[in-house]
Amino acid sequence: MSVARVMMSTTTTIGGGASSSLLFKAAAASPFFKPRSVSLCFNNNTKLVSKKRGFACSALYRPHVEIKEEGQPETLDYRVFFVDNSGKKVSPWHDIPLHVGDGAFNFIVEIPKESSAKMEVATDEIFTPIKQDTKKGKLRYYPYNINWNYGLLPQTWEDPSFANPEVDGAFGDNDPVDVVEIGESRGNVGQLMKVKPLGCLAMIDEGELDWKVIAISLDDPRASLVNDVDDVEKHFPGTLTAIRDWFRDYKIPDGKPANNFGLGNKAANKDYALKVITETNESWAKLVKRSTPAGELSLV
């Protein structure tokens, strides 16, 4: 890839692999990794790429995209854009494929574990970059750190016109499906991980259904040990309860009521999570085909 195409911003290829592990360990002190020296990396074709000033690189799953930061982190104008290998902006929500084969899915990190800035894909902005959420013109933070990597499944959408009969008739929250990734490594904003679903929680947030798919990165040392929700309790004891309680209670410090959960207040199994992913992927397909009204959502 030509360095000239990346332009002057912090640009990171997204994914994992042996060449990336040291970079991401070095980045662990901050979700906004900004190396200042020249770095070298390999692209998908193992071609050596020189990156000058503030670039970091790593192996990539699919497709070949990089992130390009604009503005300064923790400011109102900060955006994390995704660009393809020609330098063209693409949408992490619409253009990153959901499926990567063998029952695995692409997962995009919005909020790295052990951080509190409420980062999210801006579904109403062109190219849907990641930004920090705001309320009344002020940047939003969780009242305490989230303990897992948190983000979205691309090419999914929770349809706000669909009342789910299995979850008290709750309507979708008009966002992509959320993922809670329980692996040991701390991700970075905009990082693409290859994950496998293990289960899901049906969170009801102010009357809206907000699925939380529980997953693990295939690069995690314990990934082979967990294949369904019961395995999570065995190999990550207490994690399912901790995830549920965290999302139940995080609004309470702001004076809001606790969130509720459907499906018996328990995490559903992997098959159910796959069903949720399939249904929300179908809803997304209808959205981008414009057979479902998009409202203020960006389809670019």
C-alpha atoms as a PDB file:
ATOM      1  CA  MET A   1       0.000   0.000   0.000  1.00  0.00           C
ATOM      2  CA  SER A   2       1.199   3.476  -0.809  1.00  0.00           C
ATOM      3  CA  VAL A   3       1.968   5.565   2.240  1.00  0.00           C
ATOM      4  CA  ALA A   4       0.754   8.616   0.355  1.00  0.00           C
ATOM      5  CA  ARG A   5      -2.751   7.221   0.252  1.00  0.00           C
ATOM      6  CA  VAL A   6      -3.033   7.091   4.030  1.00  0.00           C
ATOM      7  CA  MET A   7      -2.521  10.860   4.429  1.00  0.00           C
ATOM      8  CA  MET A   8      -1.733  12.575   7.702  1.00  0.00           C
ATOM      9  CA  SER A   9      -3.667  10.851  10.413  1.00  0.00           C
ATOM     10  CA  THR A  10      -3.208   7.960  12.794  1.00  0.00           C
ATOM     11  CA  THR A  11      -3.928   4.928  10.640  1.00  0.00           C
ATOM     12  CA  THR A  12      -4.073   1.349  11.857  1.00  0.00           C
ATOM     13  CA  THR A  13      -4.765  -1.888  10.050  1.00  0.00           C
ATOM     14  CA  ILE A  14      -7.237  -3.855  12.062  1.00  0.00           C
ATOM     15  CA  GLY A  15      -6.985  -7.406  13.338  1.00  0.00           C
ATOM     16  CA  GLY A  16      -4.574  -9.752  15.031  1.00  0.00           C
ATOM     17  CA  GLY A  17      -1.692 -12.068  14.337  1.00  0.00           C
ATOM     18  CA  ALA A  18       1.822 -12.652  15.532  1.00  0.00           C
ATOM     19  CA  SER A  19       3.182  -9.395  14.132  1.00  0.00           C
ATOM     20  CA  SER A  20       0.465  -7.377  15.824  1.00  0.00           C
ATOM     21  CA  SER A  21       0.633  -8.787  19.340  1.00  0.00           C
ATOM     22  CA  LEU A  22       3.542  -6.626  20.473  1.00  0.00           C
ATOM     23  CA  LEU A  23       1.904  -3.539  19.030  1.00  0.00           C
ATOM     24  CA  PHE A  24      -1.304  -4.151  20.888  1.00  0.00           C
ATOM     25  CA  LYS A  25       0.527  -4.955  24.126  1.00  0.00           C
ATOM     26  CA  ALA A  26       2.298  -1.640  23.770  1.00  0.00           C
ATOM     27  CA  ALA A  27      -1.044   0.000  23.157  1.00  0.00           C
ATOM     28  CA  ALA A  28      -2.669  -1.496  26.230  1.00  0.00           C
ATOM     29  CA  ALA A  29      -2.112   1.596  28.344  1.00  0.00           C
ATOM     30  CA  SER A  30      -4.509   3.584  26.177  1.00  0.00           C
ATOM     31  CA  PRO A  31      -7.386   2.735  23.813  1.00  0.00           C
ATOM     32  CA  PHE A  32      -6.093   5.467  21.487  1.00  0.00           C
ATOM     33  CA  PHE A  33      -2.731   4.122  20.348  1.00  0.00           C
ATOM     34  CA  LYS A  34      -0.441   6.757  18.803  1.00  0.00           C
ATOM     35  CA  PRO A  35       3.061   5.481  18.114  1.00  0.00           C
ATOM     36  CA  ARG A  36       5.379   8.377  17.252  1.00  0.00           C
ATOM     37  CA  SER A  37       8.184   6.521  15.508  1.00  0.00           C
ATOM     38  CA  VAL A  38       8.335   4.826  12.119  1.00  0.00           C
ATOM     39  CA  SER A  39       6.810   1.354  12.276  1.00  0.00           C
ATOM     40  CA  LEU A  40       6.906  -1.558   9.870  1.00  0.00           C
ATOM     41  CA  CYS A  41       4.166  -4.049   9.232  1.00  0.00           C
ATOM     42  CA  PHE A  42       2.911  -6.659   6.828  1.00  0.00           C
ATOM     43  CA  ASN A  43      -0.313  -6.387   4.865  1.00  0.00           C
ATOM     44  CA  ASN A  44      -2.540  -9.315   3.863  1.00  0.00           C
ATOM     45  CA  ASN A  45      -0.103 -10.285   1.119  1.00  0.00           C
ATOM     46  CA  THR A  46       2.844 -10.191   3.602  1.00  0.00           C
ATOM     47  CA  LYS A  47       4.232  -7.179   1.783  1.00  0.00           C
ATOM     48  CA  LEU A  48       6.326  -4.968   4.023  1.00  0.00           C
ATOM     49  CA  VAL A  49       4.712  -1.585   4.468  1.00  0.00           C
ATOM     50  CA  SER A  50       6.515   1.428   5.905  1.00  0.00           C
ATOM     51  CA  LYS A  51       4.356   3.719   7.984  1.00  0.00           C
ATOM     52  CA  LYS A  52       5.632   7.145   8.940  1.00  0.00           C
ATOM     53  CA  ARG A  53       4.517   9.289  11.838  1.00  0.00           C
ATOM     54  CA  GLY A  54       1.810   7.939  14.034  1.00  0.00           C
ATOM     55  CA  PHE A  55       0.931   4.776  12.117  1.00  0.00           C
ATOM     56  CA  ALA A  56       0.579   1.287  13.538  1.00  0.00           C
ATOM     57  CA  CYS A  57      -0.046  -1.897  11.615  1.00  0.00           C
ATOM     58  CA  SER A  58      -1.181  -5.440  12.172  1.00  0.00           C
ATOM     59  CA  ALA A  59      -2.431  -8.437  10.260  1.00  0.00           C
ATOM     60  CA  LEU A  60      -5.992  -8.144   9.028  1.00  0.00           C
ATOM     61  CA  TYR A  61      -8.878 -10.553   8.683  1.00  0.00           C
ATOM     62  CA  ARG A  62     -11.184  -9.425   5.873  1.00  0.00           C
ATOM     63  CA  PRO A  63     -11.529  -7.082   4.075  1.00  0.00           C
ATOM     64  CA  HIS A  64      -8.386  -4.948   3.657  1.00  0.00           C
ATOM     65  CA  VAL A  65      -9.310  -1.800   5.555  1.00  0.00           C
ATOM     66  CA  GLU A  66      -7.534   0.589   7.879  1.00  0.00           C
ATOM     67  CA  ILE A  67      -8.726   3.123  10.395  1.00  0.00           C
ATOM     68  CA  LYS A  68      -8.007   6.821  10.000  1.00  0.00           C
ATOM     69  CA  GLU A  69      -8.462   9.100  12.992  1.00  0.00           C
ATOM     70  CA  GLU A  70      -9.589  12.685  12.504  1.00  0.00           C
ATOM     71  CA  GLY A  71      -9.453  15.150  15.381  1.00  0.00           C
ATOM     72  CA  GLN A  72      -8.224  14.499  18.896  1.00  0.00           C
ATOM     73  CA  PRO A  73      -9.609  11.741  21.160  1.00  0.00           C
ATOM     74  CA  GLU A  74     -12.087  12.845  23.791  1.00  0.00           C
ATOM     75  CA  THR A  75     -13.208  15.901  21.794  1.00  0.00           C
ATOM     76  CA  LEU A  76     -16.526  16.536  20.066  1.00  0.00           C
ATOM     77  CA  ASP A  77     -15.018  16.397  16.581  1.00  0.00           C
ATOM     78  CA  TYR A  78     -13.043  13.174  17.014  1.00  0.00           C
ATOM     79  CA  ARG A  79     -13.916  10.505  14.440  1.00  0.00           C
ATOM     80  CA  VAL A  80     -12.467   7.115  13.565  1.00  0.00           C
ATOM     81  CA  PHE A  81     -13.066   6.455   9.865  1.00  0.00           C
ATOM     82  CA  PHE A  82     -12.483   3.227   7.984  1.00  0.00           C
ATOM     83  CA  VAL A  83     -10.698   3.375   4.610  1.00  0.00           C
ATOM     84  CA  ASP A  84     -10.041   0.716   1.981  1.00  0.00           C
ATOM     85  CA  ASN A  85      -6.735   0.076   0.247  1.00  0.00           C
ATOM     86  CA  SER A  86      -7.385   2.868  -2.238  1.00  0.00           C
ATOM     87  CA  GLY A  87      -7.821   5.392   0.571  1.00  0.00           C
ATOM     88  CA  LYS A  88     -11.602   5.599   0.062  1.00  0.00           C
ATOM     89  CA  LYS A  89     -13.759   5.867   3.170  1.00  0.00           C
ATOM     90  CA  VAL A  90     -16.059   2.920   3.810  1.00  0.00           C
ATOM     91  CA  SER A  91     -18.676   2.226   6.445  1.00  0.00           C
ATOM     92  CA  PRO A  92     -17.768  -0.133   9.288  1.00  0.00           C
ATOM     93  CA  TRP A  93     -21.471  -0.862   9.685  1.00  0.00           C
ATOM     94  CA  HIS A  94     -22.385  -1.499   6.049  1.00  0.00           C
ATOM     95  CA  ASP A  95     -19.149  -2.433   4.249  1.00  0.00           C
ATOM     96  CA  ILE A  96     -17.366  -4.752   6.700  1.00  0.00           C
ATOM     97  CA  PRO A  97     -18.752  -8.262   6.094  1.00  0.00           C
ATOM     98  CA  LEU A  98     -20.552  -9.969   8.953  1.00  0.00           C
ATOM     99  CA  HIS A  99     -19.461 -13.512   8.143  1.00  0.00           C
ATOM    100  CA  VAL A 100     -15.852 -14.648   7.872  1.00  0.00           C
ATOM    101  CA  GLY A 101     -16.530 -18.384   7.502  1.00  0.00           C
ATOM    102  CA  ASP A 102     -16.424 -21.442   9.774  1.00  0.00           C
ATOM    103  CA  GLY A 103     -19.048 -20.000  12.094  1.00  0.00           C
ATOM    104  CA  ALA A 104     -16.988 -16.913  12.909  1.00  0.00           C
ATOM    105  CA  PHE A 105     -17.975 -13.272  12.595  1.00  0.00           C
ATOM    106  CA  ASN A 106     -16.298  -9.904  12.333  1.00  0.00           C
ATOM    107  CA  PHE A 107     -16.561  -7.818  15.488  1.00  0.00           C
ATOM    108  CA  ILE A 108     -15.639  -4.133  15.587  1.00  0.00           C
ATOM    109  CA  VAL A 109     -14.376  -2.770  18.900  1.00  0.00           C
ATOM    110  CA  GLU A 110     -15.985   0.529  19.871  1.00  0.00           C
ATOM    111  CA  ILE A 111     -15.101   0.572  23.574  1.00  0.00           C
ATOM    112  CA  PRO A 112     -11.929  -1.237  24.697  1.00  0.00           C
ATOM    113  CA  LYS A 113     -12.054  -3.143  27.957  1.00  0.00           C
ATOM    114  CA  GLU A 114     -11.104  -1.183  31.083  1.00  0.00           C
ATOM    115  CA  SER A 115     -12.116   2.156  29.555  1.00  0.00           C
ATOM    116  CA  SER A 116     -15.151   4.386  30.078  1.00  0.00           C
ATOM    117  CA  ALA A 117     -15.466   6.755  27.081  1.00  0.00           C
ATOM    118  CA  LYS A 118     -18.775   5.845  25.425  1.00  0.00           C
ATOM    119  CA  MET A 119     -17.625   5.311  21.848  1.00  0.00           C
ATOM    120  CA  GLU A 120     -20.096   4.200  19.177  1.00  0.00           C
ATOM    121  CA  VAL A 121     -20.624   3.993  15.451  1.00  0.00           C
ATOM    122  CA  ALA A 122     -22.407   7.169  14.345  1.00  0.00           C
ATOM    123  CA  THR A 123     -25.263   5.540  12.469  1.00  0.00           C
ATOM    124  CA  ASP A 124     -26.633   8.901  11.309  1.00  0.00           C
ATOM    125  CA  GLU A 125     -23.371  10.223   9.791  1.00  0.00           C
ATOM    126  CA  ILE A 126     -22.018   9.507   6.306  1.00  0.00           C
ATOM    127  CA  PHE A 127     -19.621   6.517   6.358  1.00  0.00           C
ATOM    128  CA  THR A 128     -20.775   5.861   9.947  1.00  0.00           C
ATOM    129  CA  PRO A 129     -17.464   6.603  11.712  1.00  0.00           C
ATOM    130  CA  ILE A 130     -16.873   5.787  15.366  1.00  0.00           C
ATOM    131  CA  LYS A 131     -17.257   8.799  17.652  1.00  0.00           C
ATOM    132  CA  GLN A 132     -17.761   9.502  21.334  1.00  0.00           C
ATOM    133  CA  ASP A 133     -21.418   9.766  22.206  1.00  0.00           C
ATOM    134  CA  THR A 134     -22.742  13.055  23.558  1.00  0.00           C
ATOM    135  CA  LYS A 135     -25.608  14.258  25.695  1.00  0.00           C
ATOM    136  CA  LYS A 136     -26.623  17.908  25.753  1.00  0.00           C
ATOM    137  CA  GLY A 137     -23.402  18.775  23.937  1.00  0.00           C
ATOM    138  CA  LYS A 138     -21.133  17.029  26.430  1.00  0.00           C
ATOM    139  CA  LEU A 139     -19.067  13.886  25.902  1.00  0.00           C
ATOM    140  CA  ARG A 140     -20.503  10.802  27.552  1.00  0.00           C
ATOM    141  CA  TYR A 141     -18.635   8.417  29.827  1.00  0.00           C
ATOM    142  CA  TYR A 142     -19.762   5.342  31.683  1.00  0.00           C
ATOM    143  CA  PRO A 143     -19.707   5.854  35.474  1.00  0.00           C
ATOM    144  CA  TYR A 144     -17.035   3.135  35.689  1.00  0.00           C
ATOM    145  CA  ASN A 145     -14.887   1.141  33.289  1.00  0.00           C
ATOM    146  CA  ILE A 146     -16.395  -1.618  31.199  1.00  0.00           C
ATOM    147  CA  ASN A 147     -14.572  -4.872  31.869  1.00  0.00           C
ATOM    148  CA  TRP A 148     -14.739  -6.409  28.394  1.00  0.00           C
ATOM    149  CA  ASN A 149     -14.196  -5.314  24.808  1.00  0.00           C
ATOM    150  CA  TYR A 150     -17.502  -3.914  23.570  1.00  0.00           C
ATOM    151  CA  GLY A 151     -18.683  -3.101  20.094  1.00  0.00           C
ATOM    152  CA  LEU A 152     -20.858  -4.228  17.213  1.00  0.00           C
ATOM    153  CA  LEU A 153     -21.516  -6.872  14.616  1.00  0.00           C
ATOM    154  CA  PRO A 154     -21.442  -5.214  11.172  1.00  0.00           C
ATOM    155  CA  GLN A 155     -24.352  -5.717   8.791  1.00  0.00           C
ATOM    156  CA  THR A 156     -26.872  -6.227  11.602  1.00  0.00           C
ATOM    157  CA  TRP A 157     -29.729  -3.980  12.699  1.00  0.00           C
ATOM    158  CA  GLU A 158     -32.314  -4.157  15.461  1.00  0.00           C
ATOM    159  CA  ASP A 159     -35.487  -3.082  13.692  1.00  0.00           C
ATOM    160  CA  PRO A 160     -37.448  -0.546  15.797  1.00  0.00           C
ATOM    161  CA  SER A 161     -40.671  -1.512  14.005  1.00  0.00           C
ATOM    162  CA  PHE A 162     -40.449  -5.182  15.010  1.00  0.00           C
ATOM    163  CA  ALA A 163     -41.995  -6.225  18.321  1.00  0.00           C
ATOM    164  CA  ASN A 164     -40.198  -9.378  19.408  1.00  0.00           C
ATOM    165  CA  PRO A 165     -42.816 -11.811  20.785  1.00  0.00           C
ATOM    166  CA  GLU A 166     -40.142 -13.802  22.628  1.00  0.00           C
ATOM    167  CA  VAL A 167     -38.955 -10.770  24.614  1.00  0.00           C
ATOM    168  CA  ASP A 168     -42.125  -9.201  25.970  1.00  0.00           C
ATOM    169  CA  GLY A 169     -42.959  -7.600  22.612  1.00  0.00           C
ATOM    170  CA  ALA A 170     -40.022  -5.188  22.938  1.00  0.00           C
ATOM    171  CA  PHE A 171     -39.062  -3.242  19.803  1.00  0.00           C
ATOM    172  CA  GLY A 172     -35.522  -3.086  18.436  1.00  0.00           C
ATOM    173  CA  ASP A 173     -33.299  -0.191  19.472  1.00  0.00           C
ATOM    174  CA  ASN A 174     -32.453   0.978  15.902  1.00  0.00           C
ATOM    175  CA  ASP A 175     -28.757   0.075  16.227  1.00  0.00           C
ATOM    176  CA  PRO A 176     -26.424  -2.721  15.143  1.00  0.00           C
ATOM    177  CA  VAL A 177     -26.197  -5.712  17.462  1.00  0.00           C
ATOM    178  CA  ASP A 178     -23.811  -5.227  20.395  1.00  0.00           C
ATOM    179  CA  VAL A 179     -21.052  -7.684  21.280  1.00  0.00           C
ATOM    180  CA  VAL A 180     -19.349  -8.270  24.621  1.00  0.00           C
ATOM    181  CA  GLU A 181     -16.001  -9.952  23.892  1.00  0.00           C
ATOM    182  CA  ILE A 182     -14.684 -11.762  26.956  1.00  0.00           C
ATOM    183  CA  GLY A 183     -11.109 -12.581  25.908  1.00  0.00           C
ATOM    184  CA  GLU A 184      -8.044 -11.534  27.858  1.00  0.00           C
ATOM    185  CA  SER A 185      -6.564  -9.052  25.355  1.00  0.00           C
ATOM    186  CA  ARG A 186      -7.544  -5.401  25.394  1.00  0.00           C
ATOM    187  CA  GLY A 187      -8.664  -4.155  22.000  1.00  0.00           C
ATOM    188  CA  ASN A 188      -8.400  -0.709  20.465  1.00  0.00           C
ATOM    189  CA  VAL A 189     -11.065   1.615  19.118  1.00  0.00           C
ATOM    190  CA  GLY A 190     -11.854   0.438  15.587  1.00  0.00           C
ATOM    191  CA  GLN A 191     -10.031  -2.879  15.882  1.00  0.00           C
ATOM    192  CA  LEU A 192     -11.521  -5.758  13.901  1.00  0.00           C
ATOM    193  CA  MET A 193     -11.628  -9.105  15.687  1.00  0.00           C
ATOM    194  CA  LYS A 194     -12.654 -12.508  14.433  1.00  0.00           C
ATOM    195  CA  VAL A 195     -15.004 -13.931  17.077  1.00  0.00           C
ATOM    196  CA  LYS A 196     -17.311 -16.836  17.741  1.00  0.00           C
ATOM    197  CA  PRO A 197     -20.620 -16.303  19.571  1.00  0.00           C
ATOM    198  CA  LEU A 198     -21.228 -18.165  22.813  1.00  0.00           C
ATOM    199  CA  GLY A 199     -24.599 -16.841  23.937  1.00  0.00           C
ATOM    200  CA  CYS A 200     -26.631 -13.673  24.298  1.00  0.00           C
ATOM    201  CA  LEU A 201     -28.543 -11.518  26.743  1.00  0.00           C
ATOM    202  CA  ALA A 202     -31.835  -9.840  25.884  1.00  0.00           C
ATOM    203  CA  MET A 203     -31.414  -6.464  27.574  1.00  0.00           C
ATOM    204  CA  ILE A 204     -34.449  -4.181  27.652  1.00  0.00           C
ATOM    205  CA  ASP A 205     -33.330  -0.551  27.871  1.00  0.00           C
ATOM    206  CA  GLU A 206     -36.182   1.888  28.487  1.00  0.00           C
ATOM    207  CA  GLY A 207     -38.543  -0.468  26.676  1.00  0.00           C
ATOM    208  CA  GLU A 208     -36.227  -1.152  23.712  1.00  0.00           C
ATOM    209  CA  LEU A 209     -34.642  -4.517  22.971  1.00  0.00           C
ATOM    210  CA  ASP A 210     -30.833  -4.245  22.956  1.00  0.00           C
ATOM    211  CA  TRP A 211     -29.212  -7.616  22.315  1.00  0.00           C
ATOM    212  CA  LYS A 212     -25.822  -8.332  23.874  1.00  0.00           C
ATOM    213  CA  VAL A 213     -24.063 -11.161  22.066  1.00  0.00           C
ATOM    214  CA  ILE A 214     -21.391 -12.752  24.252  1.00  0.00           C
ATOM    215  CA  ALA A 215     -18.402 -13.830  22.174  1.00  0.00           C
ATOM    216  CA  ILE A 216     -14.698 -14.565  22.318  1.00  0.00           C
ATOM    217  CA  SER A 217     -11.877 -13.697  19.960  1.00  0.00           C
ATOM    218  CA  LEU A 218     -10.514 -16.703  18.093  1.00  0.00           C
ATOM    219  CA  ASP A 219      -7.038 -15.411  18.994  1.00  0.00           C
ATOM    220  CA  ASP A 220      -7.706 -15.822  22.715  1.00  0.00           C
ATOM    221  CA  PRO A 221      -5.722 -18.639  24.384  1.00  0.00           C
ATOM    222  CA  ARG A 222      -8.914 -20.131  25.825  1.00  0.00           C
ATOM    223  CA  ALA A 223     -11.051 -19.805  22.692  1.00  0.00           C
ATOM    224  CA  SER A 224     -10.909 -23.537  21.953  1.00  0.00           C
ATOM    225  CA  LEU A 225     -12.288 -24.318  25.415  1.00  0.00           C
ATOM    226  CA  VAL A 226     -15.536 -22.372  25.055  1.00  0.00           C
ATOM    227  CA  ASN A 227     -18.148 -23.184  22.426  1.00  0.00           C
ATOM    228  CA  ASP A 228     -21.437 -22.474  24.188  1.00  0.00           C
ATOM    229  CA  VAL A 229     -22.839 -20.546  27.099  1.00  0.00           C
ATOM    230  CA  ASP A 230     -22.282 -23.372  29.614  1.00  0.00           C
ATOM    231  CA  ASP A 231     -18.581 -23.376  28.746  1.00  0.00           C
ATOM    232  CA  VAL A 232     -18.371 -19.709  29.698  1.00  0.00           C
ATOM    233  CA  GLU A 233     -19.460 -20.472  33.235  1.00  0.00           C
ATOM    234  CA  LYS A 234     -16.969 -23.338  33.423  1.00  0.00           C
ATOM    235  CA  HIS A 235     -13.894 -21.536  32.092  1.00  0.00           C
ATOM    236  CA  PHE A 236     -14.817 -17.914  32.902  1.00  0.00           C
ATOM    237  CA  PRO A 237     -16.708 -18.399  36.183  1.00  0.00           C
ATOM    238  CA  GLY A 238     -18.903 -15.499  37.192  1.00  0.00           C
ATOM    239  CA  THR A 239     -18.524 -13.693  33.855  1.00  0.00           C
ATOM    240  CA  LEU A 240     -22.107 -14.117  32.661  1.00  0.00           C
ATOM    241  CA  THR A 241     -23.480 -12.744  35.924  1.00  0.00           C
ATOM    242  CA  ALA A 242     -20.947  -9.902  35.888  1.00  0.00           C
ATOM    243  CA  ILE A 243     -21.922  -8.891  32.329  1.00  0.00           C
ATOM    244  CA  ARG A 244     -25.623  -8.949  33.154  1.00  0.00           C
ATOM    245  CA  ASP A 245     -25.162  -6.983  36.366  1.00  0.00           C
ATOM    246  CA  TRP A 246     -22.898  -4.406  34.692  1.00  0.00           C
ATOM    247  CA  PHE A 247     -25.440  -3.641  31.981  1.00  0.00           C
ATOM    248  CA  ARG A 248     -28.318  -3.782  34.451  1.00  0.00           C
ATOM    249  CA  ASP A 249     -26.816  -1.198  36.778  1.00  0.00           C
ATOM    250  CA  TYR A 250     -24.640   1.210  34.768  1.00  0.00           C
ATOM    251  CA  LYS A 251     -27.359   3.867  34.462  1.00  0.00           C
ATOM    252  CA  ILE A 252     -28.228   3.906  38.149  1.00  0.00           C
ATOM    253  CA  PRO A 253     -25.477   6.429  39.123  1.00  0.00           C
ATOM    254  CA  ASP A 254     -27.132   8.878  36.692  1.00  0.00           C
ATOM    255  CA  GLY A 255     -30.444   8.556  38.514  1.00  0.00           C
ATOM    256  CA  LYS A 256     -32.073   6.228  35.982  1.00  0.00           C
ATOM    257  CA  PRO A 257     -33.721   2.894  36.764  1.00  0.00           C
ATOM    258  CA  ALA A 258     -31.933  -0.393  36.277  1.00  0.00           C
ATOM    259  CA  ASN A 259     -32.266  -2.121  32.922  1.00  0.00           C
ATOM    260  CA  ASN A 260     -34.252  -5.326  32.633  1.00  0.00           C
ATOM    261  CA  PHE A 261     -33.602  -8.595  30.807  1.00  0.00           C
ATOM    262  CA  GLY A 262     -35.893 -10.931  28.945  1.00  0.00           C
ATOM    263  CA  LEU A 263     -35.551 -14.688  28.410  1.00  0.00           C
ATOM    264  CA  GLY A 264     -35.822 -15.414  32.108  1.00  0.00           C
ATOM    265  CA  ASN A 265     -33.081 -12.958  33.058  1.00  0.00           C
ATOM    266  CA  LYS A 266     -30.493 -15.483  31.839  1.00  0.00           C
ATOM    267  CA  ALA A 267     -28.056 -15.740  28.963  1.00  0.00           C
ATOM    268  CA  ALA A 268     -29.428 -17.758  26.049  1.00  0.00           C
ATOM    269  CA  ASN A 269     -27.245 -20.373  24.378  1.00  0.00           C
ATOM    270  CA  LYS A 270     -25.138 -20.194  21.225  1.00  0.00           C
ATOM    271  CA  ASP A 271     -27.900 -21.420  18.924  1.00  0.00           C
ATOM    272  CA  TYR A 272     -30.161 -18.663  20.126  1.00  0.00           C
ATOM    273  CA  ALA A 273     -27.391 -16.099  19.617  1.00  0.00           C
ATOM    274  CA  LEU A 274     -26.929 -17.354  16.046  1.00  0.00           C
ATOM    275  CA  LYS A 275     -30.672 -16.979  15.519  1.00  0.00           C
ATOM    276  CA  VAL A 276     -30.487 -13.361  16.724  1.00  0.00           C
ATOM    277  CA  ILE A 277     -27.548 -12.665  14.411  1.00  0.00           C
ATOM    278  CA  THR A 278     -29.362 -14.184  11.413  1.00  0.00           C
ATOM    279  CA  GLU A 279     -32.570 -12.261  12.063  1.00  0.00           C
ATOM    280  CA  THR A 280     -30.821  -8.926  12.584  1.00  0.00           C
ATOM    281  CA  ASN A 281     -28.686  -9.491   9.483  1.00  0.00           C
ATOM    282  CA  GLU A 282     -31.898 -10.015   7.516  1.00  0.00           C
ATOM    283  CA  SER A 283     -33.323  -6.816   9.002  1.00  0.00           C
ATOM    284  CA  TRP A 284     -30.162  -4.950   7.949  1.00  0.00           C
ATOM    285  CA  ALA A 285     -30.493  -6.316   4.405  1.00  0.00           C
ATOM    286  CA  LYS A 286     -34.034  -4.950   4.198  1.00  0.00           C
ATOM    287  CA  LEU A 287     -32.793  -1.628   5.535  1.00  0.00           C
ATOM    288  CA  VAL A 288     -30.048  -1.165   2.930  1.00  0.00           C
ATOM    289  CA  LYS A 289     -32.392  -2.306   0.166  1.00  0.00           C
ATOM    290  CA  ARG A 290     -34.710   0.457   1.375  1.00  0.00           C
ATOM    291  CA  SER A 291     -37.614  -1.929   1.831  1.00  0.00           C
ATOM    292  CA  THR A 292     -37.646  -0.703   5.443  1.00  0.00           C
ATOM    293  CA  PRO A 293     -37.691   3.054   6.178  1.00  0.00           C
ATOM    294  CA  ALA A 294     -34.237   4.293   7.199  1.00  0.00           C
ATOM    295  CA  GLY A 295     -35.309   7.529   8.866  1.00  0.00           C
ATOM    296  CA  GLU A 296     -32.152   9.445   9.821  1.00  0.00           C
ATOM    297  CA  LEU A 297     -29.838   6.441   9.470  1.00  0.00           C
ATOM    298  CA  SER A 298     -27.000   6.705   6.976  1.00  0.00           C
ATOM    299  CA  LEU A 299     -26.924   3.917   4.399  1.00  0.00           C
ATOM    300  CA  VAL A 300     -23.549   4.997   3.018  1.00  0.00           C
END
